[in-house]
């Protein structure tokens, strides 16, 4: 099975201006496709911006809304899948969500953040209630989490037990928590034997200072590609043969003793 070349778009776009963010995404998709990528991953709430405050209800849209339609057109135009973050409206509720759209424009998976971080998110969003959301792309089983979710090892292990090969984590990681990007994410990839694409915003936005440092971590705990602190598009390989070999060599999942862990839940 060939590798899945994956592009990580580290950008905060233009908060509050969806049209400009779609333009940024279009340009990134063209560059990613030109580099041979089959998948482009954007940060948390990329469609609208993160620090948009009272504009959350105004900019929130349904999973099949105009943003999804525009991104489906971008995906088809450039022949690659796109994972984007957005505020999802479902009736009176709003979720911090991410959606994966396939190269043919099909909506493959939609995930709602289950662990909300800080006062801003807890004020505006409803927590999701599905721990594992997956889709298939080019023979790779892809799982979705968002930012704070990946900091709970139970979430990542649930994906490992469900067979996730590549975990996509759009994020809005802020100062002073850069150690999550630097240390926690590679450890999550190693301990649960999967690839993890962690894709961050960057620079100042409202009261927040996003730290960048987006990365693709492999199942051996090494970082295959890493962005710096500014706007950047980086590309890395998700190699299913290497993943299979790593899983065969690493005994964590085989040596688990679930009967001892029941009290943890």
C-alpha atoms as a PDB file:
ATOM      1  CA  UNK A   1       0.000   0.000   0.000  1.00  0.00           C
ATOM      2  CA  UNK A   2       1.479   3.401  -0.940  1.00  0.00           C
ATOM      3  CA  UNK A   3       2.147   6.121   1.609  1.00  0.00           C
ATOM      4  CA  UNK A   4      -0.444   8.811   2.187  1.00  0.00           C
ATOM      5  CA  UNK A   5       1.297  12.131   1.656  1.00  0.00           C
ATOM      6  CA  UNK A   6      -0.231  14.551   4.148  1.00  0.00           C
ATOM      7  CA  UNK A   7       0.034  18.350   4.175  1.00  0.00           C
ATOM      8  CA  UNK A   8      -0.342  20.394   7.366  1.00  0.00           C
ATOM      9  CA  UNK A   9      -1.491  24.006   6.963  1.00  0.00           C
ATOM     10  CA  UNK A  10      -0.277  26.049   9.924  1.00  0.00           C
ATOM     11  CA  UNK A  11      -2.213  29.297   9.676  1.00  0.00           C
ATOM     12  CA  UNK A  12      -4.685  31.434  11.573  1.00  0.00           C
ATOM     13  CA  UNK A  13      -6.097  32.828   8.358  1.00  0.00           C
ATOM     14  CA  UNK A  14      -8.158  35.943   8.948  1.00  0.00           C
ATOM     15  CA  UNK A  15     -10.401  35.527  12.004  1.00  0.00           C
ATOM     16  CA  UNK A  16     -14.025  36.414  11.348  1.00  0.00           C
ATOM     17  CA  UNK A  17     -13.705  36.550   7.543  1.00  0.00           C
ATOM     18  CA  UNK A  18     -14.729  33.211   6.041  1.00  0.00           C
ATOM     19  CA  UNK A  19     -14.142  34.286   2.437  1.00  0.00           C
ATOM     20  CA  UNK A  20     -10.503  35.124   3.165  1.00  0.00           C
ATOM     21  CA  UNK A  21      -9.975  31.833   4.962  1.00  0.00           C
ATOM     22  CA  UNK A  22     -11.386  29.946   1.992  1.00  0.00           C
ATOM     23  CA  UNK A  23      -8.972  31.843  -0.237  1.00  0.00           C
ATOM     24  CA  UNK A  24      -6.072  30.836   2.027  1.00  0.00           C
ATOM     25  CA  UNK A  25      -7.281  27.247   1.897  1.00  0.00           C
ATOM     26  CA  UNK A  26      -7.529  27.327  -1.894  1.00  0.00           C
ATOM     27  CA  UNK A  27      -3.932  28.524  -2.181  1.00  0.00           C
ATOM     28  CA  UNK A  28      -2.723  25.894   0.311  1.00  0.00           C
ATOM     29  CA  UNK A  29      -4.616  23.138  -1.513  1.00  0.00           C
ATOM     30  CA  UNK A  30      -2.930  24.079  -4.783  1.00  0.00           C
ATOM     31  CA  UNK A  31       0.502  23.977  -3.136  1.00  0.00           C
ATOM     32  CA  UNK A  32      -0.248  20.723  -1.327  1.00  0.00           C
ATOM     33  CA  UNK A  33      -1.506  19.032  -4.477  1.00  0.00           C
ATOM     34  CA  UNK A  34       1.561  20.293  -6.326  1.00  0.00           C
ATOM     35  CA  UNK A  35       3.694  18.546  -3.703  1.00  0.00           C
ATOM     36  CA  UNK A  36       1.814  15.291  -4.264  1.00  0.00           C
ATOM     37  CA  UNK A  37      -0.342  15.410  -1.122  1.00  0.00           C
ATOM     38  CA  UNK A  38      -3.606  13.486  -0.979  1.00  0.00           C
ATOM     39  CA  UNK A  39      -4.718  15.040   2.306  1.00  0.00           C
ATOM     40  CA  UNK A  40      -4.628  18.615   3.622  1.00  0.00           C
ATOM     41  CA  UNK A  41      -5.268  19.288   7.329  1.00  0.00           C
ATOM     42  CA  UNK A  42      -6.122  22.742   8.716  1.00  0.00           C
ATOM     43  CA  UNK A  43      -6.223  24.031  12.335  1.00  0.00           C
ATOM     44  CA  UNK A  44      -9.082  24.183  14.816  1.00  0.00           C
ATOM     45  CA  UNK A  45     -11.940  26.490  13.733  1.00  0.00           C
ATOM     46  CA  UNK A  46      -9.988  27.426  10.607  1.00  0.00           C
ATOM     47  CA  UNK A  47     -13.091  28.313   8.578  1.00  0.00           C
ATOM     48  CA  UNK A  48     -14.074  31.189  10.881  1.00  0.00           C
ATOM     49  CA  UNK A  49     -11.132  31.844  13.176  1.00  0.00           C
ATOM     50  CA  UNK A  50     -10.863  30.890  16.824  1.00  0.00           C
ATOM     51  CA  UNK A  51     -11.035  34.135  18.829  1.00  0.00           C
ATOM     52  CA  UNK A  52     -14.268  35.413  17.281  1.00  0.00           C
ATOM     53  CA  UNK A  53     -16.229  35.898  20.523  1.00  0.00           C
ATOM     54  CA  UNK A  54     -19.811  37.035  19.990  1.00  0.00           C
ATOM     55  CA  UNK A  55     -19.594  36.174  16.295  1.00  0.00           C
ATOM     56  CA  UNK A  56     -19.698  32.434  17.018  1.00  0.00           C
ATOM     57  CA  UNK A  57     -23.505  32.131  16.613  1.00  0.00           C
ATOM     58  CA  UNK A  58     -23.476  34.266  13.467  1.00  0.00           C
ATOM     59  CA  UNK A  59     -20.689  32.306  11.764  1.00  0.00           C
ATOM     60  CA  UNK A  60     -21.721  28.816  12.862  1.00  0.00           C
ATOM     61  CA  UNK A  61     -23.211  26.673  10.110  1.00  0.00           C
ATOM     62  CA  UNK A  62     -24.583  23.198   9.515  1.00  0.00           C
ATOM     63  CA  UNK A  63     -22.278  20.349   8.528  1.00  0.00           C
ATOM     64  CA  UNK A  64     -23.648  20.593   4.985  1.00  0.00           C
ATOM     65  CA  UNK A  65     -23.616  24.395   4.941  1.00  0.00           C
ATOM     66  CA  UNK A  66     -21.995  26.831   2.510  1.00  0.00           C
ATOM     67  CA  UNK A  67     -18.528  26.359   3.988  1.00  0.00           C
ATOM     68  CA  UNK A  68     -18.720  22.612   3.404  1.00  0.00           C
ATOM     69  CA  UNK A  69     -19.887  23.185  -0.163  1.00  0.00           C
ATOM     70  CA  UNK A  70     -17.047  25.603  -0.889  1.00  0.00           C
ATOM     71  CA  UNK A  71     -14.433  23.269   0.598  1.00  0.00           C
ATOM     72  CA  UNK A  72     -15.840  20.312  -1.330  1.00  0.00           C
ATOM     73  CA  UNK A  73     -15.270  22.311  -4.521  1.00  0.00           C
ATOM     74  CA  UNK A  74     -11.677  23.018  -3.451  1.00  0.00           C
ATOM     75  CA  UNK A  75     -11.114  19.328  -2.700  1.00  0.00           C
ATOM     76  CA  UNK A  76     -12.407  18.262  -6.111  1.00  0.00           C
ATOM     77  CA  UNK A  77     -10.523  20.999  -7.932  1.00  0.00           C
ATOM     78  CA  UNK A  78      -7.195  19.905  -6.466  1.00  0.00           C
ATOM     79  CA  UNK A  79      -7.855  16.169  -6.100  1.00  0.00           C
ATOM     80  CA  UNK A  80      -7.157  15.862  -2.383  1.00  0.00           C
ATOM     81  CA  UNK A  81      -9.062  15.347   0.848  1.00  0.00           C
ATOM     82  CA  UNK A  82      -9.443  18.294   3.234  1.00  0.00           C
ATOM     83  CA  UNK A  83      -9.938  18.274   7.006  1.00  0.00           C
ATOM     84  CA  UNK A  84     -11.130  21.648   8.295  1.00  0.00           C
ATOM     85  CA  UNK A  85     -12.270  23.030  11.638  1.00  0.00           C
ATOM     86  CA  UNK A  86     -15.474  25.052  11.978  1.00  0.00           C
ATOM     87  CA  UNK A  87     -18.284  25.957  14.413  1.00  0.00           C
ATOM     88  CA  UNK A  88     -21.131  23.561  13.631  1.00  0.00           C
ATOM     89  CA  UNK A  89     -24.730  24.603  14.224  1.00  0.00           C
ATOM     90  CA  UNK A  90     -27.267  21.887  14.982  1.00  0.00           C
ATOM     91  CA  UNK A  91     -30.542  23.498  15.963  1.00  0.00           C
ATOM     92  CA  UNK A  92     -29.900  25.679  19.000  1.00  0.00           C
ATOM     93  CA  UNK A  93     -26.606  23.973  19.814  1.00  0.00           C
ATOM     94  CA  UNK A  94     -23.166  24.905  18.486  1.00  0.00           C
ATOM     95  CA  UNK A  95     -20.243  22.480  18.435  1.00  0.00           C
ATOM     96  CA  UNK A  96     -16.515  22.980  17.948  1.00  0.00           C
ATOM     97  CA  UNK A  97     -16.261  20.600  15.008  1.00  0.00           C
ATOM     98  CA  UNK A  98     -14.016  19.296  12.261  1.00  0.00           C
ATOM     99  CA  UNK A  99     -15.072  17.740   8.982  1.00  0.00           C
ATOM    100  CA  UNK A 100     -13.230  15.544   6.510  1.00  0.00           C
ATOM    101  CA  UNK A 101     -14.166  15.957   2.865  1.00  0.00           C
ATOM    102  CA  UNK A 102     -12.867  13.469   0.316  1.00  0.00           C
ATOM    103  CA  UNK A 103     -11.113  14.187  -2.998  1.00  0.00           C
ATOM    104  CA  UNK A 104     -14.432  13.644  -4.772  1.00  0.00           C
ATOM    105  CA  UNK A 105     -16.218  16.206  -2.576  1.00  0.00           C
ATOM    106  CA  UNK A 106     -17.978  13.623  -0.384  1.00  0.00           C
ATOM    107  CA  UNK A 107     -18.351  14.456   3.306  1.00  0.00           C
ATOM    108  CA  UNK A 108     -16.541  11.492   4.888  1.00  0.00           C
ATOM    109  CA  UNK A 109     -16.688  12.255   8.634  1.00  0.00           C
ATOM    110  CA  UNK A 110     -17.734  14.967  11.054  1.00  0.00           C
ATOM    111  CA  UNK A 111     -16.435  15.143  14.629  1.00  0.00           C
ATOM    112  CA  UNK A 112     -17.528  17.315  17.560  1.00  0.00           C
ATOM    113  CA  UNK A 113     -14.919  18.195  20.188  1.00  0.00           C
ATOM    114  CA  UNK A 114     -15.648  16.242  23.368  1.00  0.00           C
ATOM    115  CA  UNK A 115     -13.356  18.043  25.845  1.00  0.00           C
ATOM    116  CA  UNK A 116     -13.829  21.816  25.808  1.00  0.00           C
ATOM    117  CA  UNK A 117     -10.924  23.939  27.005  1.00  0.00           C
ATOM    118  CA  UNK A 118     -11.281  27.152  28.986  1.00  0.00           C
ATOM    119  CA  UNK A 119     -14.051  29.694  29.534  1.00  0.00           C
ATOM    120  CA  UNK A 120     -14.337  30.747  25.883  1.00  0.00           C
ATOM    121  CA  UNK A 121     -15.122  27.271  24.567  1.00  0.00           C
ATOM    122  CA  UNK A 122     -17.322  26.342  27.506  1.00  0.00           C
ATOM    123  CA  UNK A 123     -19.390  29.500  27.003  1.00  0.00           C
ATOM    124  CA  UNK A 124     -20.097  29.028  23.310  1.00  0.00           C
ATOM    125  CA  UNK A 125     -19.943  25.309  22.545  1.00  0.00           C
ATOM    126  CA  UNK A 126     -21.725  22.106  23.500  1.00  0.00           C
ATOM    127  CA  UNK A 127     -19.380  19.129  24.050  1.00  0.00           C
ATOM    128  CA  UNK A 128     -19.700  16.266  21.590  1.00  0.00           C
ATOM    129  CA  UNK A 129     -20.594  12.782  22.795  1.00  0.00           C
ATOM    130  CA  UNK A 130     -18.880  10.475  20.261  1.00  0.00           C
ATOM    131  CA  UNK A 131     -15.358   9.499  21.292  1.00  0.00           C
ATOM    132  CA  UNK A 132     -14.318   7.774  18.070  1.00  0.00           C
ATOM    133  CA  UNK A 133     -15.152   9.074  14.594  1.00  0.00           C
ATOM    134  CA  UNK A 134     -13.342   7.497  11.634  1.00  0.00           C
ATOM    135  CA  UNK A 135     -13.198   7.417   7.840  1.00  0.00           C
ATOM    136  CA  UNK A 136     -11.205   5.602   5.160  1.00  0.00           C
ATOM    137  CA  UNK A 137      -8.907   7.347   2.685  1.00  0.00           C
ATOM    138  CA  UNK A 138      -6.681   5.453   0.250  1.00  0.00           C
ATOM    139  CA  UNK A 139      -6.781   2.387   2.484  1.00  0.00           C
ATOM    140  CA  UNK A 140      -5.778   4.346   5.616  1.00  0.00           C
ATOM    141  CA  UNK A 141      -8.168   4.442   8.561  1.00  0.00           C
ATOM    142  CA  UNK A 142      -8.346   8.057   9.695  1.00  0.00           C
ATOM    143  CA  UNK A 143      -9.579   9.193  13.109  1.00  0.00           C
ATOM    144  CA  UNK A 144     -10.529  12.676  14.296  1.00  0.00           C
ATOM    145  CA  UNK A 145      -9.930  14.553  17.551  1.00  0.00           C
ATOM    146  CA  UNK A 146      -9.599  18.279  18.266  1.00  0.00           C
ATOM    147  CA  UNK A 147      -6.862  19.999  20.315  1.00  0.00           C
ATOM    148  CA  UNK A 148      -7.490  19.391  24.048  1.00  0.00           C
ATOM    149  CA  UNK A 149      -8.979  15.961  23.251  1.00  0.00           C
ATOM    150  CA  UNK A 150      -5.536  14.545  22.407  1.00  0.00           C
ATOM    151  CA  UNK A 151      -4.205  15.472  25.845  1.00  0.00           C
ATOM    152  CA  UNK A 152      -6.384  12.738  27.352  1.00  0.00           C
ATOM    153  CA  UNK A 153      -4.609   9.418  26.724  1.00  0.00           C
ATOM    154  CA  UNK A 154      -7.925   7.580  26.941  1.00  0.00           C
ATOM    155  CA  UNK A 155      -9.117   9.305  23.749  1.00  0.00           C
ATOM    156  CA  UNK A 156      -6.094   8.240  21.727  1.00  0.00           C
ATOM    157  CA  UNK A 157      -6.127   4.712  23.114  1.00  0.00           C
ATOM    158  CA  UNK A 158      -9.801   4.405  22.137  1.00  0.00           C
ATOM    159  CA  UNK A 159      -8.759   5.220  18.580  1.00  0.00           C
ATOM    160  CA  UNK A 160      -5.937   2.691  18.715  1.00  0.00           C
ATOM    161  CA  UNK A 161      -8.351  -0.036  19.823  1.00  0.00           C
ATOM    162  CA  UNK A 162     -10.717   0.969  16.997  1.00  0.00           C
ATOM    163  CA  UNK A 163      -7.925   0.597  14.440  1.00  0.00           C
ATOM    164  CA  UNK A 164      -7.104   4.223  13.642  1.00  0.00           C
ATOM    165  CA  UNK A 165      -3.921   4.478  11.559  1.00  0.00           C
ATOM    166  CA  UNK A 166      -3.709   8.264  11.243  1.00  0.00           C
ATOM    167  CA  UNK A 167      -5.189  10.567  13.876  1.00  0.00           C
ATOM    168  CA  UNK A 168      -5.946  14.105  12.673  1.00  0.00           C
ATOM    169  CA  UNK A 169      -5.894  16.740  15.417  1.00  0.00           C
ATOM    170  CA  UNK A 170      -6.682  20.304  14.317  1.00  0.00           C
ATOM    171  CA  UNK A 171      -5.674  22.482  17.236  1.00  0.00           C
ATOM    172  CA  UNK A 172      -5.461  25.982  18.703  1.00  0.00           C
ATOM    173  CA  UNK A 173      -2.520  25.374  21.021  1.00  0.00           C
ATOM    174  CA  UNK A 174      -1.521  28.519  22.881  1.00  0.00           C
ATOM    175  CA  UNK A 175       1.338  29.803  25.008  1.00  0.00           C
ATOM    176  CA  UNK A 176       2.556  28.510  27.475  1.00  0.00           C
ATOM    177  CA  UNK A 177       1.488  24.967  26.545  1.00  0.00           C
ATOM    178  CA  UNK A 178       3.876  24.370  23.649  1.00  0.00           C
ATOM    179  CA  UNK A 179       5.213  21.262  25.410  1.00  0.00           C
ATOM    180  CA  UNK A 180       2.071  19.499  24.171  1.00  0.00           C
ATOM    181  CA  UNK A 181       3.188  19.926  20.561  1.00  0.00           C
ATOM    182  CA  UNK A 182       6.815  19.242  21.394  1.00  0.00           C
ATOM    183  CA  UNK A 183       6.469  16.257  23.730  1.00  0.00           C
ATOM    184  CA  UNK A 184       2.948  14.987  24.389  1.00  0.00           C
ATOM    185  CA  UNK A 185       1.908  14.418  20.779  1.00  0.00           C
ATOM    186  CA  UNK A 186       4.918  12.244  19.807  1.00  0.00           C
ATOM    187  CA  UNK A 187       4.384  10.192  22.973  1.00  0.00           C
ATOM    188  CA  UNK A 188       0.697   9.701  22.107  1.00  0.00           C
ATOM    189  CA  UNK A 189       1.731   8.424  18.664  1.00  0.00           C
ATOM    190  CA  UNK A 190       4.204   5.974  20.199  1.00  0.00           C
ATOM    191  CA  UNK A 191       2.124   4.638  23.070  1.00  0.00           C
ATOM    192  CA  UNK A 192      -0.896   3.980  20.854  1.00  0.00           C
ATOM    193  CA  UNK A 193       1.021   3.029  17.689  1.00  0.00           C
ATOM    194  CA  UNK A 194      -0.357   5.388  15.073  1.00  0.00           C
ATOM    195  CA  UNK A 195       0.525   8.499  13.121  1.00  0.00           C
ATOM    196  CA  UNK A 196      -0.714  11.777  14.616  1.00  0.00           C
ATOM    197  CA  UNK A 197      -1.076  14.955  12.557  1.00  0.00           C
ATOM    198  CA  UNK A 198      -1.282  17.891  14.979  1.00  0.00           C
ATOM    199  CA  UNK A 199      -2.044  21.123  13.118  1.00  0.00           C
ATOM    200  CA  UNK A 200      -1.974  24.435  14.947  1.00  0.00           C
ATOM    201  CA  UNK A 201      -2.845  28.076  14.556  1.00  0.00           C
ATOM    202  CA  UNK A 202      -0.069  30.637  14.860  1.00  0.00           C
ATOM    203  CA  UNK A 203       0.537  34.140  16.224  1.00  0.00           C
ATOM    204  CA  UNK A 204      -1.637  36.526  18.264  1.00  0.00           C
ATOM    205  CA  UNK A 205      -5.412  36.319  18.016  1.00  0.00           C
ATOM    206  CA  UNK A 206      -7.563  38.223  20.490  1.00  0.00           C
ATOM    207  CA  UNK A 207      -6.385  37.312  23.993  1.00  0.00           C
ATOM    208  CA  UNK A 208      -4.516  34.242  22.734  1.00  0.00           C
ATOM    209  CA  UNK A 209      -0.981  33.654  21.456  1.00  0.00           C
ATOM    210  CA  UNK A 210      -0.827  30.497  19.350  1.00  0.00           C
ATOM    211  CA  UNK A 211       2.530  28.739  19.244  1.00  0.00           C
ATOM    212  CA  UNK A 212       2.557  26.925  15.887  1.00  0.00           C
ATOM    213  CA  UNK A 213       4.858  23.867  16.016  1.00  0.00           C
ATOM    214  CA  UNK A 214       2.477  21.715  13.970  1.00  0.00           C
ATOM    215  CA  UNK A 215       3.820  18.217  13.428  1.00  0.00           C
ATOM    216  CA  UNK A 216       3.296  14.774  11.977  1.00  0.00           C
ATOM    217  CA  UNK A 217       4.476  12.227  14.554  1.00  0.00           C
ATOM    218  CA  UNK A 218       5.115   8.581  13.684  1.00  0.00           C
ATOM    219  CA  UNK A 219       4.370   5.397  15.644  1.00  0.00           C
ATOM    220  CA  UNK A 220       8.032   5.232  16.672  1.00  0.00           C
ATOM    221  CA  UNK A 221       7.621   8.551  18.523  1.00  0.00           C
ATOM    222  CA  UNK A 222       9.702  10.538  16.045  1.00  0.00           C
ATOM    223  CA  UNK A 223       8.477  13.685  14.357  1.00  0.00           C
ATOM    224  CA  UNK A 224       8.431  13.255  10.578  1.00  0.00           C
ATOM    225  CA  UNK A 225       7.794  16.905   9.786  1.00  0.00           C
ATOM    226  CA  UNK A 226       7.586  19.984  11.997  1.00  0.00           C
ATOM    227  CA  UNK A 227       6.537  23.567  11.335  1.00  0.00           C
ATOM    228  CA  UNK A 228       8.105  26.551  13.064  1.00  0.00           C
ATOM    229  CA  UNK A 229       6.240  29.412  14.732  1.00  0.00           C
ATOM    230  CA  UNK A 230       4.908  31.221  11.649  1.00  0.00           C
ATOM    231  CA  UNK A 231       2.558  30.621   8.717  1.00  0.00           C
ATOM    232  CA  UNK A 232       3.728  27.459   6.982  1.00  0.00           C
ATOM    233  CA  UNK A 233       2.711  24.438   4.919  1.00  0.00           C
ATOM    234  CA  UNK A 234       4.650  21.252   5.681  1.00  0.00           C
ATOM    235  CA  UNK A 235       4.300  17.804   4.136  1.00  0.00           C
ATOM    236  CA  UNK A 236       4.993  14.334   5.552  1.00  0.00           C
ATOM    237  CA  UNK A 237       4.413  10.683   4.703  1.00  0.00           C
ATOM    238  CA  UNK A 238       2.065   8.265   6.444  1.00  0.00           C
ATOM    239  CA  UNK A 239       3.625   4.903   5.572  1.00  0.00           C
ATOM    240  CA  UNK A 240       1.316   1.921   6.215  1.00  0.00           C
ATOM    241  CA  UNK A 241       4.151  -0.610   5.852  1.00  0.00           C
ATOM    242  CA  UNK A 242       6.216   1.150   8.502  1.00  0.00           C
ATOM    243  CA  UNK A 243       3.123   1.356  10.719  1.00  0.00           C
ATOM    244  CA  UNK A 244       2.511  -2.393  10.418  1.00  0.00           C
ATOM    245  CA  UNK A 245       6.144  -3.157  11.241  1.00  0.00           C
ATOM    246  CA  UNK A 246       6.073  -0.801  14.225  1.00  0.00           C
ATOM    247  CA  UNK A 247       2.914  -2.399  15.584  1.00  0.00           C
ATOM    248  CA  UNK A 248       4.436  -5.852  15.194  1.00  0.00           C
ATOM    249  CA  UNK A 249       7.547  -4.787  17.118  1.00  0.00           C
ATOM    250  CA  UNK A 250       5.844  -2.789  19.875  1.00  0.00           C
ATOM    251  CA  UNK A 251       3.946  -4.862  22.480  1.00  0.00           C
ATOM    252  CA  UNK A 252       1.891  -2.134  24.195  1.00  0.00           C
ATOM    253  CA  UNK A 253      -1.486  -3.001  22.693  1.00  0.00           C
ATOM    254  CA  UNK A 254      -0.855  -6.749  22.902  1.00  0.00           C
ATOM    255  CA  UNK A 255       0.362  -6.632  26.510  1.00  0.00           C
ATOM    256  CA  UNK A 256      -2.509  -4.586  27.893  1.00  0.00           C
ATOM    257  CA  UNK A 257      -4.478  -6.053  30.816  1.00  0.00           C
ATOM    258  CA  UNK A 258      -7.891  -4.365  30.528  1.00  0.00           C
ATOM    259  CA  UNK A 259      -9.256  -6.246  33.537  1.00  0.00           C
ATOM    260  CA  UNK A 260      -6.989  -4.151  35.772  1.00  0.00           C
ATOM    261  CA  UNK A 261      -8.123  -0.805  34.380  1.00  0.00           C
ATOM    262  CA  UNK A 262     -11.870  -0.837  34.930  1.00  0.00           C
ATOM    263  CA  UNK A 263     -11.698   1.450  37.940  1.00  0.00           C
ATOM    264  CA  UNK A 264     -10.081   4.169  35.806  1.00  0.00           C
ATOM    265  CA  UNK A 265     -13.376   4.747  34.023  1.00  0.00           C
END
